[in-house]
Amino acid sequence: MPIYEYRCMDCRKKFDLLRPMSQSTEPTECP
């Protein structure tokens, strides 16, 4: 599974998640 980099739109924090490619565009919560 690839690691994707995301940015929270509320706090602007960057975080990485290990997710399947099929979930790469699904919403995620800020950790």
PDB file of N, CA and C in Angstrom:
ATOM      1  N   MET A   1       0.845  -1.182   0.000  1.00  0.00           N
ATOM      2  CA  MET A   1       0.000   0.000   0.000  1.00  0.00           C
ATOM      3  C   MET A   1       0.887   1.240   0.000  1.00  0.00           C
ATOM      4  N   PRO A   2       0.529   2.225  -0.771  1.00  0.00           N
ATOM      5  CA  PRO A   2       1.303   3.466  -0.809  1.00  0.00           C
ATOM      6  C   PRO A   2       0.986   4.375   0.382  1.00  0.00           C
ATOM      7  N   ILE A   3       1.905   5.274   0.640  1.00  0.00           N
ATOM      8  CA  ILE A   3       1.712   6.291   1.678  1.00  0.00           C
ATOM      9  C   ILE A   3       1.295   7.575   0.978  1.00  0.00           C
ATOM     10  N   TYR A   4       0.203   8.172   1.449  1.00  0.00           N
ATOM     11  CA  TYR A   4      -0.313   9.406   0.868  1.00  0.00           C
ATOM     12  C   TYR A   4      -0.150  10.549   1.855  1.00  0.00           C
ATOM     13  N   GLU A   5       0.138  11.716   1.330  1.00  0.00           N
ATOM     14  CA  GLU A   5       0.253  12.911   2.163  1.00  0.00           C
ATOM     15  C   GLU A   5      -1.024  13.723   2.030  1.00  0.00           C
ATOM     16  N   TYR A   6      -1.568  14.123   3.164  1.00  0.00           N
ATOM     17  CA  TYR A   6      -2.800  14.908   3.199  1.00  0.00           C
ATOM     18  C   TYR A   6      -2.562  16.174   3.998  1.00  0.00           C
ATOM     19  N   ARG A   7      -3.451  17.137   3.806  1.00  0.00           N
ATOM     20  CA  ARG A   7      -3.421  18.354   4.612  1.00  0.00           C
ATOM     21  C   ARG A   7      -4.829  18.587   5.143  1.00  0.00           C
ATOM     22  N   CYS A   8      -4.922  18.793   6.448  1.00  0.00           N
ATOM     23  CA  CYS A   8      -6.208  19.068   7.078  1.00  0.00           C
ATOM     24  C   CYS A   8      -6.663  20.467   6.666  1.00  0.00           C
ATOM     25  N   MET A   9      -7.886  20.582   6.218  1.00  0.00           N
ATOM     26  CA  MET A   9      -8.404  21.874   5.774  1.00  0.00           C
ATOM     27  C   MET A   9      -8.812  22.766   6.948  1.00  0.00           C
ATOM     28  N   ASP A  10      -8.932  22.198   8.145  1.00  0.00           N
ATOM     29  CA  ASP A  10      -9.284  22.990   9.328  1.00  0.00           C
ATOM     30  C   ASP A  10      -8.043  23.567  10.008  1.00  0.00           C
ATOM     31  N   CYS A  11      -7.090  22.704  10.344  1.00  0.00           N
ATOM     32  CA  CYS A  11      -5.907  23.174  11.082  1.00  0.00           C
ATOM     33  C   CYS A  11      -4.672  23.351  10.191  1.00  0.00           C
ATOM     34  N   ARG A  12      -4.761  22.959   8.928  1.00  0.00           N
ATOM     35  CA  ARG A  12      -3.682  23.089   7.937  1.00  0.00           C
ATOM     36  C   ARG A  12      -2.478  22.196   8.227  1.00  0.00           C
ATOM     37  N   LYS A  13      -2.637  21.228   9.105  1.00  0.00           N
ATOM     38  CA  LYS A  13      -1.562  20.307   9.441  1.00  0.00           C
ATOM     39  C   LYS A  13      -1.419  19.247   8.351  1.00  0.00           C
ATOM     40  N   LYS A  14      -0.166  18.881   8.036  1.00  0.00           N
ATOM     41  CA  LYS A  14       0.099  17.808   7.074  1.00  0.00           C
ATOM     42  C   LYS A  14       0.262  16.495   7.822  1.00  0.00           C
ATOM     43  N   PHE A  15      -0.222  15.414   7.212  1.00  0.00           N
ATOM     44  CA  PHE A  15      -0.037  14.094   7.797  1.00  0.00           C
ATOM     45  C   PHE A  15      -0.005  13.055   6.693  1.00  0.00           C
ATOM     46  N   ASP A  16       0.615  11.925   6.987  1.00  0.00           N
ATOM     47  CA  ASP A  16       0.756  10.823   6.034  1.00  0.00           C
ATOM     48  C   ASP A  16      -0.091   9.644   6.487  1.00  0.00           C
ATOM     49  N   LEU A  17      -0.670   8.960   5.507  1.00  0.00           N
ATOM     50  CA  LEU A  17      -1.462   7.765   5.797  1.00  0.00           C
ATOM     51  C   LEU A  17      -1.100   6.657   4.830  1.00  0.00           C
ATOM     52  N   LEU A  18      -1.022   5.463   5.360  1.00  0.00           N
ATOM     53  CA  LEU A  18      -0.817   4.270   4.554  1.00  0.00           C
ATOM     54  C   LEU A  18      -2.201   3.746   4.203  1.00  0.00           C
ATOM     55  N   ARG A  19      -2.564   3.844   2.912  1.00  0.00           N
ATOM     56  CA  ARG A  19      -3.915   3.472   2.477  1.00  0.00           C
ATOM     57  C   ARG A  19      -3.858   2.735   1.153  1.00  0.00           C
ATOM     58  N   PRO A  20      -4.857   1.888   0.905  1.00  0.00           N
ATOM     59  CA  PRO A  20      -4.944   1.253  -0.416  1.00  0.00           C
ATOM     60  C   PRO A  20      -5.207   2.314  -1.494  1.00  0.00           C
ATOM     61  N   MET A  21      -4.781   2.051  -2.684  1.00  0.00           N
ATOM     62  CA  MET A  21      -4.979   3.002  -3.781  1.00  0.00           C
ATOM     63  C   MET A  21      -6.454   3.302  -4.005  1.00  0.00           C
ATOM     64  N   SER A  22      -7.310   2.334  -3.765  1.00  0.00           N
ATOM     65  CA  SER A  22      -8.749   2.530  -3.970  1.00  0.00           C
ATOM     66  C   SER A  22      -9.344   3.540  -2.992  1.00  0.00           C
ATOM     67  N   GLN A  23      -8.641   3.833  -1.896  1.00  0.00           N
ATOM     68  CA  GLN A  23      -9.143   4.782  -0.897  1.00  0.00           C
ATOM     69  C   GLN A  23      -8.414   6.123  -0.941  1.00  0.00           C
ATOM     70  N   SER A  24      -7.554   6.318  -1.891  1.00  0.00           N
ATOM     71  CA  SER A  24      -6.712   7.517  -1.913  1.00  0.00           C
ATOM     72  C   SER A  24      -7.490   8.824  -2.007  1.00  0.00           C
ATOM     73  N   THR A  25      -8.658   8.806  -2.620  1.00  0.00           N
ATOM     74  CA  THR A  25      -9.432  10.043  -2.762  1.00  0.00           C
ATOM     75  C   THR A  25     -10.591  10.140  -1.774  1.00  0.00           C
ATOM     76  N   GLU A  26     -10.747   9.134  -0.926  1.00  0.00           N
ATOM     77  CA  GLU A  26     -11.818   9.177   0.067  1.00  0.00           C
ATOM     78  C   GLU A  26     -11.444  10.127   1.205  1.00  0.00           C
ATOM     79  N   PRO A  27     -12.426  10.774   1.794  1.00  0.00           N
ATOM     80  CA  PRO A  27     -12.140  11.694   2.905  1.00  0.00           C
ATOM     81  C   PRO A  27     -11.490  10.968   4.085  1.00  0.00           C
ATOM     82  N   THR A  28     -10.696  11.698   4.824  1.00  0.00           N
ATOM     83  CA  THR A  28     -10.051  11.156   6.011  1.00  0.00           C
ATOM     84  C   THR A  28     -10.075  12.205   7.114  1.00  0.00           C
ATOM     85  N   GLU A  29      -9.953  11.762   8.353  1.00  0.00           N
ATOM     86  CA  GLU A  29      -9.967  12.684   9.481  1.00  0.00           C
ATOM     87  C   GLU A  29      -8.548  13.045   9.881  1.00  0.00           C
ATOM     88  N   CYS A  30      -8.390  14.244  10.361  1.00  0.00           N
ATOM     89  CA  CYS A  30      -7.106  14.705  10.866  1.00  0.00           C
ATOM     90  C   CYS A  30      -6.775  13.926  12.147  1.00  0.00           C
ATOM     91  N   PRO A  31      -5.568  13.400  12.239  1.00  0.00           N
ATOM     92  CA  PRO A  31      -5.227  12.598  13.430  1.00  0.00           C
ATOM     93  C   PRO A  31      -5.041  13.391  14.694  1.00  0.00           C
TER      94      PRO A  31
END
